[in-house]
Amino acid sequence: MPDELRPAIAKELTELVEGRLPEQLLLWVREYSEGGATLVPQPEEIWSHPRTDVRKLDTGGYLVVVPLWTADESPSDLSAEMMISPEGTMAINTVRIL
């Protein structure tokens, strides 16, 4: 993972964990296992985890998928998929179960 992407990704993940992003992003978190999942602050391991995937796009941006840690699993089967534009604008597109 390129170091320059980490601050923007970390900011978005913090907002996700704190529930400050659109509710529809949390659909699979709430549906995960029997009682839903509780996201926790994402650890440093997220940057080097084998399921972290960073792809540079032909358009100059990036597609990034990272596993998500929960109160019960480190990491869980949940992942966040995000796009980073060539200008550096970043947004989580979806949270899904792998």
N, C-alpha and C. Protein backbone atom coordinates (compact mmCIF):
# COMPACT_ATOMS: atom_id res chain seq x y z
N MET A 1 0.85 -1.18 0.00
CA MET A 1 0.00 0.00 0.00
C MET A 1 0.89 1.24 0.00
N PRO A 2 0.72 2.13 -0.96
CA PRO A 2 1.51 3.36 -0.97
C PRO A 2 1.25 4.20 0.29
N ASP A 3 2.31 4.65 0.92
CA ASP A 3 2.19 5.42 2.16
C ASP A 3 1.31 6.65 2.01
N GLU A 4 1.34 7.28 0.84
CA GLU A 4 0.59 8.52 0.66
C GLU A 4 -0.93 8.30 0.67
N LEU A 5 -1.39 7.08 0.49
CA LEU A 5 -2.82 6.78 0.52
C LEU A 5 -3.34 6.56 1.94
N ARG A 6 -2.46 6.22 2.83
CA ARG A 6 -2.88 5.81 4.18
C ARG A 6 -3.66 6.86 4.96
N PRO A 7 -3.26 8.13 4.99
CA PRO A 7 -4.04 9.10 5.79
C PRO A 7 -5.50 9.22 5.34
N ALA A 8 -5.74 9.28 4.04
CA ALA A 8 -7.12 9.42 3.55
C ALA A 8 -7.92 8.16 3.86
N ILE A 9 -7.32 7.00 3.68
CA ILE A 9 -8.01 5.75 3.98
C ILE A 9 -8.30 5.65 5.47
N ALA A 10 -7.33 5.97 6.30
CA ALA A 10 -7.52 5.91 7.76
C ALA A 10 -8.64 6.84 8.20
N LYS A 11 -8.71 8.02 7.61
CA LYS A 11 -9.77 8.99 7.95
C LYS A 11 -11.14 8.42 7.62
N GLU A 12 -11.30 7.86 6.42
CA GLU A 12 -12.58 7.28 6.02
C GLU A 12 -12.95 6.08 6.89
N LEU A 13 -11.98 5.25 7.22
CA LEU A 13 -12.27 4.09 8.07
C LEU A 13 -12.68 4.53 9.47
N THR A 14 -12.06 5.57 9.99
CA THR A 14 -12.46 6.10 11.30
C THR A 14 -13.89 6.60 11.25
N GLU A 15 -14.25 7.31 10.19
CA GLU A 15 -15.62 7.80 10.06
C GLU A 15 -16.61 6.63 9.94
N LEU A 16 -16.21 5.56 9.25
CA LEU A 16 -17.05 4.38 9.14
C LEU A 16 -17.27 3.75 10.51
N VAL A 17 -16.18 3.54 11.25
CA VAL A 17 -16.25 2.92 12.58
C VAL A 17 -17.11 3.76 13.53
N GLU A 18 -17.01 5.08 13.41
CA GLU A 18 -17.76 5.97 14.29
C GLU A 18 -19.19 6.22 13.82
N GLY A 19 -19.58 5.62 12.70
CA GLY A 19 -20.95 5.75 12.22
C GLY A 19 -21.26 7.09 11.57
N ARG A 20 -20.24 7.78 11.06
CA ARG A 20 -20.45 9.11 10.47
C ARG A 20 -20.58 9.07 8.95
N LEU A 21 -20.65 7.89 8.36
CA LEU A 21 -20.85 7.77 6.92
C LEU A 21 -22.28 7.32 6.65
N PRO A 22 -22.74 7.38 5.40
CA PRO A 22 -24.13 7.00 5.12
C PRO A 22 -24.50 5.63 5.68
N GLU A 23 -25.69 5.55 6.21
CA GLU A 23 -26.20 4.35 6.87
C GLU A 23 -26.14 3.11 5.98
N GLN A 24 -26.34 3.28 4.66
CA GLN A 24 -26.35 2.11 3.78
C GLN A 24 -25.01 1.40 3.76
N LEU A 25 -23.92 2.09 4.11
CA LEU A 25 -22.62 1.42 4.17
C LEU A 25 -22.54 0.42 5.32
N LEU A 26 -23.41 0.56 6.30
CA LEU A 26 -23.38 -0.32 7.47
C LEU A 26 -24.37 -1.49 7.37
N LEU A 27 -25.06 -1.63 6.25
CA LEU A 27 -26.04 -2.70 6.09
C LEU A 27 -25.45 -4.07 6.41
N TRP A 28 -24.32 -4.43 5.78
CA TRP A 28 -23.74 -5.75 6.00
C TRP A 28 -23.12 -5.87 7.39
N VAL A 29 -22.71 -4.77 7.97
CA VAL A 29 -22.18 -4.80 9.35
C VAL A 29 -23.32 -5.19 10.29
N ARG A 30 -24.48 -4.60 10.09
CA ARG A 30 -25.64 -4.90 10.94
C ARG A 30 -26.19 -6.31 10.70
N GLU A 31 -26.02 -6.83 9.49
CA GLU A 31 -26.53 -8.15 9.14
C GLU A 31 -25.51 -9.27 9.40
N TYR A 32 -24.30 -8.91 9.76
CA TYR A 32 -23.21 -9.88 9.92
C TYR A 32 -23.45 -10.78 11.12
N SER A 33 -23.32 -12.04 10.95
CA SER A 33 -23.56 -13.09 11.94
C SER A 33 -24.94 -12.91 12.59
N GLU A 34 -25.14 -13.44 13.77
CA GLU A 34 -26.48 -13.43 14.36
C GLU A 34 -26.94 -12.07 14.85
N GLY A 35 -26.08 -11.34 15.51
CA GLY A 35 -26.51 -10.07 16.09
C GLY A 35 -25.85 -8.85 15.47
N GLY A 36 -25.26 -9.02 14.32
CA GLY A 36 -24.54 -7.91 13.71
C GLY A 36 -23.13 -7.84 14.27
N ALA A 37 -22.37 -6.92 13.77
CA ALA A 37 -20.98 -6.76 14.20
C ALA A 37 -20.77 -5.34 14.73
N THR A 38 -19.75 -5.20 15.54
CA THR A 38 -19.33 -3.89 16.03
C THR A 38 -17.94 -3.63 15.48
N LEU A 39 -17.83 -2.63 14.61
CA LEU A 39 -16.52 -2.26 14.08
C LEU A 39 -15.68 -1.62 15.17
N VAL A 40 -14.40 -1.86 15.13
CA VAL A 40 -13.47 -1.27 16.09
C VAL A 40 -12.44 -0.45 15.31
N PRO A 41 -11.70 0.44 15.99
CA PRO A 41 -10.64 1.16 15.28
C PRO A 41 -9.73 0.16 14.57
N GLN A 42 -9.43 0.48 13.33
CA GLN A 42 -8.66 -0.45 12.51
C GLN A 42 -7.18 -0.37 12.89
N PRO A 43 -6.54 -1.53 13.09
CA PRO A 43 -5.15 -1.55 13.54
C PRO A 43 -4.16 -1.31 12.40
N GLU A 44 -2.91 -1.12 12.76
CA GLU A 44 -1.84 -0.92 11.77
C GLU A 44 -1.70 -2.11 10.83
N GLU A 45 -2.09 -3.30 11.29
CA GLU A 45 -1.98 -4.50 10.46
C GLU A 45 -2.78 -4.39 9.17
N ILE A 46 -3.73 -3.49 9.14
CA ILE A 46 -4.57 -3.33 7.95
C ILE A 46 -3.74 -3.02 6.71
N TRP A 47 -2.62 -2.30 6.89
CA TRP A 47 -1.82 -1.86 5.74
C TRP A 47 -1.06 -3.01 5.08
N SER A 48 -0.76 -4.04 5.84
CA SER A 48 0.04 -5.14 5.29
C SER A 48 -0.69 -6.48 5.30
N HIS A 49 -1.96 -6.47 5.66
CA HIS A 49 -2.71 -7.72 5.74
C HIS A 49 -2.80 -8.37 4.35
N PRO A 50 -2.72 -9.71 4.28
CA PRO A 50 -2.78 -10.40 2.98
C PRO A 50 -4.06 -10.12 2.18
N ARG A 51 -5.16 -9.77 2.87
CA ARG A 51 -6.41 -9.50 2.15
C ARG A 51 -6.54 -8.03 1.74
N THR A 52 -5.59 -7.19 2.11
CA THR A 52 -5.59 -5.81 1.64
C THR A 52 -5.14 -5.81 0.19
N ASP A 53 -5.92 -5.15 -0.65
CA ASP A 53 -5.64 -5.15 -2.09
C ASP A 53 -5.69 -3.71 -2.60
N VAL A 54 -4.64 -3.28 -3.25
CA VAL A 54 -4.55 -1.94 -3.84
C VAL A 54 -4.24 -2.10 -5.31
N ARG A 55 -5.10 -1.53 -6.14
CA ARG A 55 -4.88 -1.60 -7.59
C ARG A 55 -4.88 -0.20 -8.18
N LYS A 56 -3.82 0.12 -8.89
CA LYS A 56 -3.76 1.39 -9.60
C LYS A 56 -4.60 1.25 -10.86
N LEU A 57 -5.48 2.22 -11.08
CA LEU A 57 -6.37 2.19 -12.23
C LEU A 57 -5.75 2.91 -13.41
N ASP A 58 -6.16 2.55 -14.60
CA ASP A 58 -5.66 3.21 -15.81
C ASP A 58 -5.97 4.71 -15.80
N THR A 59 -7.02 5.09 -15.07
CA THR A 59 -7.42 6.50 -14.99
C THR A 59 -6.52 7.30 -14.05
N GLY A 60 -5.64 6.61 -13.34
CA GLY A 60 -4.73 7.30 -12.42
C GLY A 60 -5.11 7.18 -10.97
N GLY A 61 -6.32 6.74 -10.67
CA GLY A 61 -6.74 6.57 -9.29
C GLY A 61 -6.42 5.18 -8.78
N TYR A 62 -7.04 4.83 -7.68
CA TYR A 62 -6.81 3.51 -7.07
C TYR A 62 -8.14 2.89 -6.66
N LEU A 63 -8.18 1.57 -6.69
CA LEU A 63 -9.24 0.79 -6.08
C LEU A 63 -8.58 0.07 -4.91
N VAL A 64 -9.16 0.23 -3.73
CA VAL A 64 -8.58 -0.33 -2.51
C VAL A 64 -9.65 -1.17 -1.80
N VAL A 65 -9.26 -2.37 -1.37
CA VAL A 65 -10.13 -3.21 -0.55
C VAL A 65 -9.34 -3.59 0.69
N VAL A 66 -9.95 -3.36 1.86
CA VAL A 66 -9.29 -3.70 3.12
C VAL A 66 -10.24 -4.53 3.99
N PRO A 67 -9.71 -5.52 4.71
CA PRO A 67 -10.53 -6.26 5.65
C PRO A 67 -10.85 -5.36 6.84
N LEU A 68 -11.96 -5.64 7.50
CA LEU A 68 -12.37 -4.84 8.65
C LEU A 68 -12.31 -5.66 9.94
N TRP A 69 -11.77 -5.05 10.97
CA TRP A 69 -11.71 -5.68 12.28
C TRP A 69 -13.00 -5.34 13.03
N THR A 70 -13.48 -6.32 13.80
CA THR A 70 -14.67 -6.11 14.63
C THR A 70 -14.32 -6.48 16.07
N ALA A 71 -15.26 -6.24 16.96
CA ALA A 71 -15.04 -6.57 18.37
C ALA A 71 -14.81 -8.06 18.57
N ASP A 72 -15.32 -8.89 17.66
CA ASP A 72 -15.23 -10.34 17.81
C ASP A 72 -14.21 -11.02 16.90
N GLU A 73 -13.79 -10.35 15.81
CA GLU A 73 -12.91 -10.99 14.84
C GLU A 73 -11.81 -10.05 14.37
N SER A 74 -10.62 -10.62 14.21
CA SER A 74 -9.44 -9.82 13.85
C SER A 74 -8.68 -10.43 12.68
N PRO A 75 -9.00 -10.16 11.45
CA PRO A 75 -10.14 -9.39 10.96
C PRO A 75 -11.36 -10.28 10.76
N SER A 76 -12.46 -9.63 10.44
CA SER A 76 -13.70 -10.35 10.14
C SER A 76 -13.74 -10.67 8.64
N ASP A 77 -14.85 -11.22 8.20
CA ASP A 77 -15.05 -11.46 6.78
C ASP A 77 -15.63 -10.22 6.08
N LEU A 78 -15.81 -9.15 6.83
CA LEU A 78 -16.25 -7.88 6.25
C LEU A 78 -15.08 -7.17 5.60
N SER A 79 -15.35 -6.45 4.53
CA SER A 79 -14.31 -5.65 3.90
C SER A 79 -14.91 -4.33 3.42
N ALA A 80 -14.06 -3.33 3.31
CA ALA A 80 -14.46 -2.03 2.77
C ALA A 80 -13.78 -1.86 1.42
N GLU A 81 -14.57 -1.45 0.43
CA GLU A 81 -14.04 -1.19 -0.90
C GLU A 81 -14.13 0.31 -1.15
N MET A 82 -13.03 0.90 -1.58
CA MET A 82 -13.02 2.35 -1.78
C MET A 82 -12.30 2.72 -3.06
N MET A 83 -12.65 3.88 -3.56
CA MET A 83 -12.03 4.43 -4.75
C MET A 83 -11.30 5.71 -4.35
N ILE A 84 -10.12 5.89 -4.92
CA ILE A 84 -9.36 7.12 -4.72
C ILE A 84 -9.14 7.70 -6.11
N SER A 85 -9.61 8.93 -6.31
CA SER A 85 -9.49 9.57 -7.61
C SER A 85 -8.05 9.98 -7.86
N PRO A 86 -7.70 10.30 -9.11
CA PRO A 86 -6.34 10.78 -9.40
C PRO A 86 -6.00 12.05 -8.61
N GLU A 87 -7.02 12.83 -8.25
CA GLU A 87 -6.80 14.05 -7.47
C GLU A 87 -6.67 13.78 -5.97
N GLY A 88 -6.92 12.53 -5.56
CA GLY A 88 -6.79 12.17 -4.15
C GLY A 88 -8.09 12.13 -3.38
N THR A 89 -9.22 12.41 -4.04
CA THR A 89 -10.51 12.32 -3.37
C THR A 89 -10.82 10.86 -3.13
N MET A 90 -11.27 10.55 -1.92
CA MET A 90 -11.47 9.17 -1.54
C MET A 90 -12.85 8.96 -0.97
N ALA A 91 -13.46 7.83 -1.30
CA ALA A 91 -14.78 7.49 -0.75
C ALA A 91 -14.91 5.98 -0.66
N ILE A 92 -15.54 5.53 0.43
CA ILE A 92 -15.86 4.12 0.56
C ILE A 92 -17.09 3.87 -0.31
N ASN A 93 -16.99 2.95 -1.25
CA ASN A 93 -18.12 2.61 -2.13
C ASN A 93 -19.07 1.64 -1.48
N THR A 94 -18.48 0.64 -0.79
CA THR A 94 -19.33 -0.40 -0.21
C THR A 94 -18.58 -1.10 0.92
N VAL A 95 -19.35 -1.66 1.81
CA VAL A 95 -18.85 -2.58 2.82
C VAL A 95 -19.59 -3.87 2.55
N ARG A 96 -18.84 -4.96 2.44
CA ARG A 96 -19.46 -6.22 2.05
C ARG A 96 -18.81 -7.38 2.80
N ILE A 97 -19.44 -8.53 2.68
CA ILE A 97 -18.88 -9.76 3.23
C ILE A 97 -18.11 -10.42 2.12
N LEU A 98 -16.89 -10.86 2.42
CA LEU A 98 -16.06 -11.53 1.41
C LEU A 98 -16.64 -12.86 1.01
